[in-house]
């Protein structure tokens, strides 16, 4: 090939990568996609609450516009890997589905796809398994037609792949039933006997045409209604980014990036969805240059890092949830400095506080005479390295907690990490398996040998107990816990 042509192609690829990483292009793309949500999707489904799908979906919806999130991973919908995850149950959505009669789950995908696998397959499989279990409680398996419980977008999922997924559903049902964490009769009553039915919307979707004038194309504000006599609860699966050729579009005064919020660690420079929406007036201004945005983001992130010492438990923690009378789960904020006042308050409330975080510190000043009831382990949720290091630390952590379990009859023990969904869940899981029965009675440990099924039952019970919390325990963390327990 001509060397000059090779050089030109190399420069084109370099420019595309640069535009892809541009924080200005990414944020403007997110704002454009949010406009689609506000202008077209919400008017069509005004009564359904928005549920951003973590992690990507969080960028597209202001925090004040949602109360819950979901966590459905695309990997559970990948070809030949179709699965119902017992680590990501999403059962906290049931009360909302019942009370609102439907929800809108928001997610996005990068170039090459119209709908992400999480929306086209993972959630449909989730619906199908739960639908099957509901119907199984009312009739025999021979009377269940798989086409009554499994729905996928025909323009995205071929008939061949649909049939392969359909054949997998009974096995996935068996896997969930074996764990004994969902009762078909109770689910049938909770959802009023209605089946979970996914519908797909995206820019240009025919389902959104109900809110547009057929002649002018203008948005009329007419809402979509559940078809008459349909015994369903709609789950609106919204792909918020439009499909751009090669994943880019330069018509808007910036380079549009399809699925711009994906893999934010590669481009956000520490900016979070919360910081982004808290300073949205600045980011909406298209006159700001790339350099100005980068400097502003750097300042925001630095100010957050310099938040300083916290003196109140509510200021230091995003939440603290009760798990058992002896154990509580917390999410501690980043860059908290635990000084004398906060340490005293923790000691007053908890028999022991275990904090798993790389960026939380104990202030050594004036702490010498205080009881040593707060312990920090430099393990960070979301870090594969920390999940593996947990193998070396877990015995020490469990030993500390178990030595205080009797004292915890009067004061509970706090287990927390920087997310409240990974490291802390792993430690709680190990404690539950070693010290509790399946029904969480302290001291009544099952006589039978601890195995992966028993560990999985405890994990799914823990996830189900934490209603409203999206649990994201990494495989590496669970492997460390399994290695310790078995």
Protein backbone atom coordinates (compact mmCIF):
# COMPACT_ATOMS: atom_id res chain seq x y z
CA UNK A 1 0.00 0.00 0.00
CA UNK A 2 1.11 3.55 -0.76
CA UNK A 3 3.09 4.89 2.25
CA UNK A 4 1.31 8.27 1.96
CA UNK A 5 -2.08 6.52 2.10
CA UNK A 6 -0.97 4.54 5.16
CA UNK A 7 0.13 7.76 6.83
CA UNK A 8 -3.24 9.40 6.04
CA UNK A 9 -5.18 6.45 7.44
CA UNK A 10 -3.05 6.53 10.57
CA UNK A 11 -3.78 10.23 11.07
CA UNK A 12 -7.53 9.64 10.59
CA UNK A 13 -7.49 6.90 13.23
CA UNK A 14 -5.56 9.16 15.57
CA UNK A 15 -8.10 11.98 15.12
CA UNK A 16 -11.01 9.61 15.78
CA UNK A 17 -9.41 8.36 19.00
CA UNK A 18 -8.81 11.95 20.10
CA UNK A 19 -12.44 12.91 19.43
CA UNK A 20 -13.59 9.78 21.26
CA UNK A 21 -11.65 10.75 24.39
CA UNK A 22 -12.68 14.39 24.30
CA UNK A 23 -14.57 15.17 27.49
CA UNK A 24 -16.34 18.07 25.75
CA UNK A 25 -17.68 15.82 23.01
CA UNK A 26 -18.71 13.18 25.54
CA UNK A 27 -20.61 15.56 27.81
CA UNK A 28 -22.35 17.35 24.95
CA UNK A 29 -23.39 13.96 23.56
CA UNK A 30 -24.84 12.98 26.95
CA UNK A 31 -26.80 16.23 27.09
CA UNK A 32 -28.19 15.68 23.58
CA UNK A 33 -29.29 12.18 24.54
CA UNK A 34 -30.90 13.51 27.73
CA UNK A 35 -32.90 15.91 25.53
CA UNK A 36 -34.28 12.90 23.64
CA UNK A 37 -35.36 11.38 26.97
CA UNK A 38 -37.09 14.58 28.09
CA UNK A 39 -38.65 15.55 24.76
CA UNK A 40 -39.82 12.20 23.41
CA UNK A 41 -39.68 9.36 25.93
CA UNK A 42 -41.09 10.90 29.11
CA UNK A 43 -44.12 12.53 27.40
CA UNK A 44 -44.96 9.13 25.94
CA UNK A 45 -44.77 7.35 29.33
CA UNK A 46 -45.48 10.12 31.87
CA UNK A 47 -46.60 7.82 34.70
CA UNK A 48 -43.60 5.48 34.68
CA UNK A 49 -40.60 6.27 36.93
CA UNK A 50 -37.11 6.47 35.40
CA UNK A 51 -34.68 3.73 36.45
CA UNK A 52 -31.12 4.35 35.17
CA UNK A 53 -29.23 1.12 34.54
CA UNK A 54 -25.85 1.25 36.25
CA UNK A 55 -23.27 2.25 35.39
CA UNK A 56 -23.70 3.96 32.03
CA UNK A 57 -27.32 5.04 32.51
CA UNK A 58 -26.53 7.18 35.57
CA UNK A 59 -24.92 9.87 33.39
CA UNK A 60 -28.08 10.50 31.37
CA UNK A 61 -30.51 11.25 34.20
CA UNK A 62 -30.20 14.03 36.85
CA UNK A 63 -30.06 12.51 40.38
CA UNK A 64 -33.24 14.34 41.42
CA UNK A 65 -35.19 12.60 38.61
CA UNK A 66 -34.83 9.05 39.93
CA UNK A 67 -35.14 7.20 43.24
CA UNK A 68 -33.86 3.77 42.22
CA UNK A 69 -31.36 2.25 39.85
CA UNK A 70 -31.09 -1.18 38.25
CA UNK A 71 -28.03 -3.27 37.50
CA UNK A 72 -28.41 -5.53 34.49
CA UNK A 73 -25.16 -6.41 32.74
CA UNK A 74 -24.79 -6.95 29.02
CA UNK A 75 -22.55 -9.95 29.66
CA UNK A 76 -25.59 -11.92 30.92
CA UNK A 77 -27.09 -11.44 27.47
CA UNK A 78 -24.06 -12.21 25.34
CA UNK A 79 -24.51 -14.95 22.74
CA UNK A 80 -24.19 -18.43 24.28
CA UNK A 81 -23.78 -16.86 27.76
CA UNK A 82 -27.47 -16.10 28.40
CA UNK A 83 -27.99 -16.10 32.14
CA UNK A 84 -30.14 -15.01 35.08
CA UNK A 85 -27.67 -13.50 37.54
CA UNK A 86 -28.21 -14.39 41.19
CA UNK A 87 -25.70 -11.67 42.10
CA UNK A 88 -27.81 -9.01 40.39
CA UNK A 89 -31.36 -9.96 41.33
CA UNK A 90 -32.97 -6.51 40.96
CA UNK A 91 -35.88 -7.67 43.13
CA UNK A 92 -36.02 -4.19 44.66
CA UNK A 93 -37.91 -3.16 41.52
CA UNK A 94 -40.98 -5.29 42.37
CA UNK A 95 -42.77 -2.76 44.64
CA UNK A 96 -42.22 0.00 42.06
CA UNK A 97 -43.55 -2.19 39.25
CA UNK A 98 -46.68 -2.88 41.28
CA UNK A 99 -47.32 0.69 42.44
CA UNK A 100 -46.49 2.46 39.15
CA UNK A 101 -47.72 -0.16 36.72
CA UNK A 102 -44.51 0.09 34.71
CA UNK A 103 -40.99 1.58 34.62
CA UNK A 104 -38.52 3.10 32.15
CA UNK A 105 -35.01 1.61 32.28
CA UNK A 106 -32.42 3.88 30.64
CA UNK A 107 -29.15 2.62 29.14
CA UNK A 108 -26.94 3.17 26.12
CA UNK A 109 -24.61 1.37 23.78
CA UNK A 110 -21.59 2.20 21.68
CA UNK A 111 -21.33 2.15 17.90
CA UNK A 112 -22.37 -0.92 15.98
CA UNK A 113 -25.58 -1.65 17.91
CA UNK A 114 -29.05 -0.18 18.05
CA UNK A 115 -29.84 -1.69 21.48
CA UNK A 116 -27.35 -2.88 24.14
CA UNK A 117 -27.42 -6.56 25.08
CA UNK A 118 -28.55 -5.60 28.60
CA UNK A 119 -31.82 -4.28 27.12
CA UNK A 120 -32.29 -6.66 24.19
CA UNK A 121 -31.52 -9.92 26.05
CA UNK A 122 -30.49 -9.66 29.73
CA UNK A 123 -33.69 -7.96 30.92
CA UNK A 124 -35.97 -10.04 28.64
CA UNK A 125 -34.39 -13.18 30.16
CA UNK A 126 -34.97 -11.74 33.66
CA UNK A 127 -38.63 -11.10 32.80
CA UNK A 128 -39.04 -14.55 31.23
CA UNK A 129 -37.66 -16.42 34.25
CA UNK A 130 -39.88 -14.51 36.68
CA UNK A 131 -42.91 -14.87 34.38
CA UNK A 132 -42.27 -18.61 34.15
CA UNK A 133 -42.02 -18.96 37.94
CA UNK A 134 -45.29 -17.04 38.37
CA UNK A 135 -47.14 -19.22 35.85
CA UNK A 136 -45.57 -22.37 37.27
CA UNK A 137 -47.22 -21.59 40.62
CA UNK A 138 -50.62 -21.51 38.89
CA UNK A 139 -50.29 -24.38 36.42
CA UNK A 140 -47.99 -27.21 35.35
CA UNK A 141 -44.89 -26.66 33.25
CA UNK A 142 -46.52 -28.51 30.32
CA UNK A 143 -49.12 -25.75 30.13
CA UNK A 144 -46.59 -22.93 29.78
CA UNK A 145 -45.88 -21.69 26.26
CA UNK A 146 -42.44 -20.06 26.18
CA UNK A 147 -43.74 -17.41 23.76
CA UNK A 148 -46.03 -16.20 26.54
CA UNK A 149 -43.10 -15.37 28.84
CA UNK A 150 -40.10 -14.51 26.64
CA UNK A 151 -40.07 -11.38 24.50
CA UNK A 152 -37.11 -10.00 22.52
CA UNK A 153 -36.87 -7.24 19.87
CA UNK A 154 -37.33 -9.06 16.53
CA UNK A 155 -35.32 -6.47 14.57
CA UNK A 156 -32.30 -7.14 16.80
CA UNK A 157 -32.58 -10.77 17.93
CA UNK A 158 -32.86 -13.42 15.22
CA UNK A 159 -35.38 -16.26 15.38
CA UNK A 160 -32.48 -18.69 15.80
CA UNK A 161 -31.07 -16.86 18.82
CA UNK A 162 -34.56 -16.47 20.30
CA UNK A 163 -35.08 -20.24 20.09
CA UNK A 164 -31.71 -20.89 21.75
CA UNK A 165 -32.54 -18.50 24.60
CA UNK A 166 -36.00 -20.08 24.95
CA UNK A 167 -34.46 -23.52 25.42
CA UNK A 168 -32.27 -22.10 28.22
CA UNK A 169 -35.17 -20.59 30.25
CA UNK A 170 -36.32 -23.79 32.09
CA UNK A 171 -32.76 -24.40 33.30
CA UNK A 172 -32.47 -20.81 34.55
CA UNK A 173 -35.82 -21.20 36.31
CA UNK A 174 -34.52 -24.36 37.98
CA UNK A 175 -31.39 -22.53 39.11
CA UNK A 176 -33.41 -19.78 40.77
CA UNK A 177 -35.99 -22.13 42.30
CA UNK A 178 -33.19 -24.21 43.83
CA UNK A 179 -32.01 -21.19 45.81
CA UNK A 180 -35.46 -20.84 47.42
CA UNK A 181 -35.47 -17.02 47.41
CA UNK A 182 -38.54 -16.30 45.31
CA UNK A 183 -41.99 -17.83 45.74
CA UNK A 184 -44.12 -18.00 42.60
CA UNK A 185 -47.41 -17.58 44.48
CA UNK A 186 -46.12 -14.54 46.38
CA UNK A 187 -44.77 -13.04 43.17
CA UNK A 188 -48.09 -13.69 41.42
CA UNK A 189 -49.94 -11.86 44.21
CA UNK A 190 -47.40 -9.01 44.37
CA UNK A 191 -47.63 -8.35 40.62
CA UNK A 192 -51.39 -8.99 40.61
CA UNK A 193 -51.01 -11.88 38.20
CA UNK A 194 -49.62 -9.62 35.47
CA UNK A 195 -46.70 -10.71 33.29
CA UNK A 196 -43.59 -8.56 32.93
CA UNK A 197 -43.52 -7.38 29.33
CA UNK A 198 -40.52 -5.52 27.87
CA UNK A 199 -40.96 -2.87 25.15
CA UNK A 200 -38.06 -1.17 23.37
CA UNK A 201 -37.70 2.50 22.54
CA UNK A 202 -34.80 4.33 20.92
CA UNK A 203 -34.43 7.39 18.66
CA UNK A 204 -36.73 6.74 15.73
CA UNK A 205 -38.64 3.94 17.48
CA UNK A 206 -42.16 3.32 16.15
CA UNK A 207 -43.46 3.05 19.74
CA UNK A 208 -42.79 6.77 20.20
CA UNK A 209 -44.96 7.73 17.23
CA UNK A 210 -48.04 7.88 19.49
CA UNK A 211 -46.69 11.19 20.78
CA UNK A 212 -46.09 12.69 17.30
CA UNK A 213 -48.46 14.20 14.76
CA UNK A 214 -48.61 11.82 11.79
CA UNK A 215 -48.52 14.72 9.28
CA UNK A 216 -46.11 17.27 10.79
CA UNK A 217 -43.96 15.00 12.97
CA UNK A 218 -44.34 17.46 15.84
CA UNK A 219 -44.56 16.12 19.39
CA UNK A 220 -48.19 16.19 20.53
CA UNK A 221 -47.77 15.07 24.12
CA UNK A 222 -50.13 12.12 23.67
CA UNK A 223 -49.10 9.28 25.96
CA UNK A 224 -48.81 5.57 25.23
CA UNK A 225 -51.28 3.30 27.00
CA UNK A 226 -51.19 -0.39 27.83
CA UNK A 227 -53.12 -2.24 25.13
CA UNK A 228 -56.68 -3.01 26.21
CA UNK A 229 -57.18 -6.44 27.84
CA UNK A 230 -53.38 -6.94 28.04
CA UNK A 231 -52.57 -8.47 31.43
CA UNK A 232 -49.06 -7.03 31.57
CA UNK A 233 -46.74 -4.68 33.44
CA UNK A 234 -44.72 -2.78 30.78
CA UNK A 235 -40.98 -2.41 31.22
CA UNK A 236 -39.91 0.31 28.79
CA UNK A 237 -36.31 -0.35 27.77
CA UNK A 238 -34.90 2.94 26.54
CA UNK A 239 -31.71 3.04 24.47
CA UNK A 240 -30.97 6.72 24.83
CA UNK A 241 -28.18 7.19 22.24
CA UNK A 242 -28.99 7.20 18.54
CA UNK A 243 -27.17 5.02 16.09
CA UNK A 244 -24.51 7.08 14.33
CA UNK A 245 -22.45 5.84 11.41
CA UNK A 246 -19.06 4.75 12.78
CA UNK A 247 -20.38 5.88 16.18
CA UNK A 248 -19.84 9.59 15.40
CA UNK A 249 -21.82 12.56 14.04
CA UNK A 250 -20.54 16.13 13.54
CA UNK A 251 -23.82 17.90 12.76
CA UNK A 252 -24.43 19.40 16.21
CA UNK A 253 -21.50 21.77 16.69
CA UNK A 254 -19.46 19.01 18.34
CA UNK A 255 -18.55 15.43 17.51
CA UNK A 256 -21.42 13.28 18.75
CA UNK A 257 -20.22 10.04 20.39
CA UNK A 258 -22.73 7.20 20.47
CA UNK A 259 -22.92 5.69 23.97
CA UNK A 260 -20.74 8.53 25.24
CA UNK A 261 -21.08 7.63 28.94
CA UNK A 262 -19.69 4.11 28.50
CA UNK A 263 -16.38 3.29 30.21
CA UNK A 264 -16.24 6.70 31.92
CA UNK A 265 -12.93 5.81 33.62
CA UNK A 266 -11.23 6.29 30.25
CA UNK A 267 -12.40 9.87 29.64
CA UNK A 268 -14.06 11.50 32.71
CA UNK A 269 -10.83 12.53 34.52
CA UNK A 270 -12.54 11.82 37.87
CA UNK A 271 -15.82 13.57 37.05
CA UNK A 272 -18.86 11.66 38.35
CA UNK A 273 -22.52 11.81 37.24
CA UNK A 274 -23.39 13.62 40.49
CA UNK A 275 -20.71 16.29 39.96
CA UNK A 276 -21.71 16.61 36.32
CA UNK A 277 -25.38 17.31 37.07
CA UNK A 278 -24.55 19.50 40.08
CA UNK A 279 -22.72 21.90 37.74
CA UNK A 280 -24.85 21.39 34.65
CA UNK A 281 -25.11 25.10 33.79
CA UNK A 282 -21.38 25.23 33.18
CA UNK A 283 -21.33 22.03 31.09
CA UNK A 284 -24.33 23.11 28.99
CA UNK A 285 -22.36 26.10 27.67
CA UNK A 286 -21.03 25.00 24.29
CA UNK A 287 -18.67 27.99 24.15
CA UNK A 288 -16.33 26.40 26.68
CA UNK A 289 -13.21 24.91 25.10
CA UNK A 290 -11.80 21.48 25.82
CA UNK A 291 -9.07 23.08 27.93
CA UNK A 292 -11.55 25.12 29.99
CA UNK A 293 -13.67 22.04 30.68
CA UNK A 294 -10.65 19.99 31.68
CA UNK A 295 -9.51 22.73 34.09
CA UNK A 296 -13.01 23.03 35.59
CA UNK A 297 -13.26 19.25 36.06
CA UNK A 298 -9.82 19.16 37.68
CA UNK A 299 -10.92 21.87 40.13
CA UNK A 300 -14.18 20.06 40.97
CA UNK A 301 -12.43 16.76 41.60
CA UNK A 302 -9.75 18.44 43.71
CA UNK A 303 -12.35 20.26 45.81
CA UNK A 304 -14.11 16.96 46.43
CA UNK A 305 -10.83 15.32 47.44
CA UNK A 306 -10.12 18.19 49.85
CA UNK A 307 -13.48 17.85 51.63
CA UNK A 308 -11.63 17.44 54.93
CA UNK A 309 -12.52 15.91 58.27
CA UNK A 310 -16.12 14.86 58.94
CA UNK A 311 -17.54 15.13 62.45
CA UNK A 312 -20.95 13.47 62.01
CA UNK A 313 -21.85 9.92 60.98
CA UNK A 314 -24.46 11.15 58.51
CA UNK A 315 -21.87 13.42 56.86
CA UNK A 316 -19.31 10.61 56.52
CA UNK A 317 -21.65 7.89 55.23
CA UNK A 318 -24.06 7.87 52.30
CA UNK A 319 -26.14 5.26 54.11
CA UNK A 320 -26.07 2.59 56.80
CA UNK A 321 -28.47 -0.38 56.50
CA UNK A 322 -29.39 -2.99 59.08
CA UNK A 323 -28.69 -6.57 57.98
CA UNK A 324 -29.10 -8.56 61.22
CA UNK A 325 -29.37 -7.37 64.85
CA UNK A 326 -25.60 -7.79 65.05
CA UNK A 327 -24.43 -6.58 61.63
CA UNK A 328 -24.92 -3.36 59.66
CA UNK A 329 -23.77 -2.40 56.16
CA UNK A 330 -22.55 1.05 55.23
CA UNK A 331 -21.18 3.08 52.35
CA UNK A 332 -18.50 5.53 53.47
CA UNK A 333 -17.76 8.60 51.38
CA UNK A 334 -14.40 9.12 49.70
CA UNK A 335 -11.60 11.07 51.38
CA UNK A 336 -13.15 11.06 54.85
CA UNK A 337 -10.74 11.87 57.68
CA UNK A 338 -11.92 10.23 60.91
CA UNK A 339 -11.01 12.55 63.74
CA UNK A 340 -11.73 12.38 67.46
CA UNK A 341 -15.38 13.47 67.31
CA UNK A 342 -16.40 11.07 64.56
CA UNK A 343 -14.44 8.22 66.11
CA UNK A 344 -16.20 8.75 69.44
CA UNK A 345 -19.59 8.73 67.72
CA UNK A 346 -18.74 5.51 65.90
CA UNK A 347 -17.63 3.93 69.20
CA UNK A 348 -20.87 5.03 70.88
CA UNK A 349 -23.03 3.51 68.16
CA UNK A 350 -21.06 0.41 67.14
CA UNK A 351 -19.16 -2.27 69.01
CA UNK A 352 -16.75 -2.34 66.05
CA UNK A 353 -16.38 -0.46 62.78
CA UNK A 354 -14.62 -2.16 59.86
CA UNK A 355 -13.84 0.29 57.02
CA UNK A 356 -12.60 -1.02 53.67
CA UNK A 357 -11.26 1.90 51.64
CA UNK A 358 -7.99 3.17 50.21
CA UNK A 359 -8.78 6.85 50.74
CA UNK A 360 -10.24 7.02 54.27
CA UNK A 361 -7.81 8.00 57.03
CA UNK A 362 -7.69 8.10 60.83
CA UNK A 363 -6.51 11.45 62.15
CA UNK A 364 -3.82 10.49 64.72
CA UNK A 365 -4.19 13.75 66.67
CA UNK A 366 -6.02 13.38 70.02
CA UNK A 367 -6.94 9.78 69.22
CA UNK A 368 -4.46 8.13 71.58
CA UNK A 369 -6.85 7.59 74.52
CA UNK A 370 -9.86 6.47 72.48
CA UNK A 371 -10.92 2.79 72.33
CA UNK A 372 -9.58 0.98 69.27
CA UNK A 373 -12.94 0.09 67.77
CA UNK A 374 -12.45 1.58 64.29
CA UNK A 375 -10.24 -0.35 61.88
CA UNK A 376 -9.36 0.72 58.34
CA UNK A 377 -8.18 -1.78 55.74
CA UNK A 378 -6.75 -0.39 52.50
CA UNK A 379 -9.00 -2.40 50.21
CA UNK A 380 -10.97 -0.59 47.52
CA UNK A 381 -14.23 -1.83 46.04
CA UNK A 382 -14.10 -1.88 42.26
CA UNK A 383 -10.39 -2.75 42.25
CA UNK A 384 -9.46 -6.21 40.96
CA UNK A 385 -6.15 -5.91 42.81
CA UNK A 386 -7.93 -5.26 46.12
CA UNK A 387 -10.37 -8.13 45.51
CA UNK A 388 -7.39 -10.48 45.21
CA UNK A 389 -5.63 -8.91 48.22
CA UNK A 390 -8.77 -9.67 50.22
CA UNK A 391 -7.60 -13.29 50.37
CA UNK A 392 -4.69 -12.20 52.56
CA UNK A 393 -6.76 -9.92 54.81
CA UNK A 394 -10.09 -11.70 55.18
CA UNK A 395 -9.01 -14.01 58.00
CA UNK A 396 -7.83 -11.03 60.08
CA UNK A 397 -11.03 -9.08 59.39
CA UNK A 398 -13.34 -12.01 60.19
CA UNK A 399 -11.34 -12.73 63.36
CA UNK A 400 -11.78 -9.13 64.53
CA UNK A 401 -15.53 -9.21 63.94
CA UNK A 402 -16.16 -12.63 65.44
CA UNK A 403 -14.27 -11.67 68.59
CA UNK A 404 -16.88 -8.92 69.10
CA UNK A 405 -19.99 -10.87 68.03
CA UNK A 406 -21.15 -11.44 71.62
CA UNK A 407 -20.74 -7.75 72.46
CA UNK A 408 -22.73 -6.97 69.35
CA UNK A 409 -25.85 -8.28 71.04
CA UNK A 410 -26.09 -4.80 72.57
CA UNK A 411 -24.29 -2.76 69.92
CA UNK A 412 -24.04 -3.83 66.27
CA UNK A 413 -20.91 -4.13 64.16
CA UNK A 414 -20.52 -1.88 61.12
CA UNK A 415 -19.02 -3.26 57.91
CA UNK A 416 -18.53 -0.63 55.20
CA UNK A 417 -16.62 0.09 52.02
CA UNK A 418 -16.42 2.87 49.45
CA UNK A 419 -19.39 1.50 47.45
CA UNK A 420 -21.38 -0.58 49.93
CA UNK A 421 -21.81 -3.17 47.18
CA UNK A 422 -18.56 -5.14 46.83
CA UNK A 423 -15.94 -5.54 49.58
CA UNK A 424 -18.38 -4.99 52.44
CA UNK A 425 -20.81 -7.50 50.90
CA UNK A 426 -18.01 -10.06 50.68
CA UNK A 427 -17.17 -9.71 54.39
CA UNK A 428 -20.85 -9.84 55.39
CA UNK A 429 -21.32 -12.95 53.25
CA UNK A 430 -18.42 -14.72 54.99
CA UNK A 431 -19.82 -13.77 58.43
CA UNK A 432 -23.32 -14.96 57.56
CA UNK A 433 -22.04 -18.30 56.26
CA UNK A 434 -19.85 -18.93 59.31
CA UNK A 435 -22.15 -17.71 62.08
CA UNK A 436 -25.80 -17.86 60.94
CA UNK A 437 -28.38 -20.35 59.71
CA UNK A 438 -30.01 -19.97 56.30
CA UNK A 439 -32.74 -17.94 58.01
CA UNK A 440 -30.13 -15.75 59.73
CA UNK A 441 -30.42 -17.09 63.26
CA UNK A 442 -27.12 -16.34 65.03
CA UNK A 443 -25.32 -19.45 66.26
CA UNK A 444 -27.54 -21.94 64.45
CA UNK A 445 -24.98 -22.78 61.77
CA UNK A 446 -26.07 -25.55 59.42
CA UNK A 447 -24.51 -28.90 60.26
CA UNK A 448 -24.04 -29.85 56.63
CA UNK A 449 -20.83 -29.02 54.80
CA UNK A 450 -20.50 -25.47 53.53
CA UNK A 451 -20.49 -25.50 49.73
CA UNK A 452 -21.05 -23.11 46.83
CA UNK A 453 -24.82 -23.69 46.89
CA UNK A 454 -25.01 -22.67 50.55
CA UNK A 455 -22.81 -19.60 49.91
CA UNK A 456 -24.97 -18.64 46.93
CA UNK A 457 -28.14 -18.97 49.03
CA UNK A 458 -26.72 -16.65 51.67
CA UNK A 459 -25.65 -14.13 49.02
CA UNK A 460 -29.02 -14.10 47.28
CA UNK A 461 -30.82 -13.74 50.63
CA UNK A 462 -28.53 -10.80 51.47
CA UNK A 463 -29.17 -9.13 48.10
CA UNK A 464 -32.91 -9.70 48.44
CA UNK A 465 -32.85 -8.26 51.99
CA UNK A 466 -31.26 -5.00 50.84
CA UNK A 467 -34.33 -3.73 49.02
CA UNK A 468 -33.60 -0.65 46.95
CA UNK A 469 -29.84 -1.25 46.91
CA UNK A 470 -28.13 -2.29 43.71
CA UNK A 471 -25.51 -4.87 44.70
CA UNK A 472 -22.45 -5.29 42.47
CA UNK A 473 -20.13 -7.81 44.10
CA UNK A 474 -17.25 -8.60 41.78
CA UNK A 475 -16.38 -12.15 40.81
CA UNK A 476 -12.85 -11.66 42.21
CA UNK A 477 -14.27 -10.68 45.63
CA UNK A 478 -16.60 -13.69 45.66
CA UNK A 479 -13.69 -15.96 44.68
CA UNK A 480 -11.71 -14.66 47.66
CA UNK A 481 -14.67 -15.33 49.97
CA UNK A 482 -15.20 -18.83 48.54
CA UNK A 483 -11.51 -19.58 48.89
CA UNK A 484 -11.60 -18.54 52.57
CA UNK A 485 -14.81 -20.40 53.45
CA UNK A 486 -14.03 -23.66 51.68
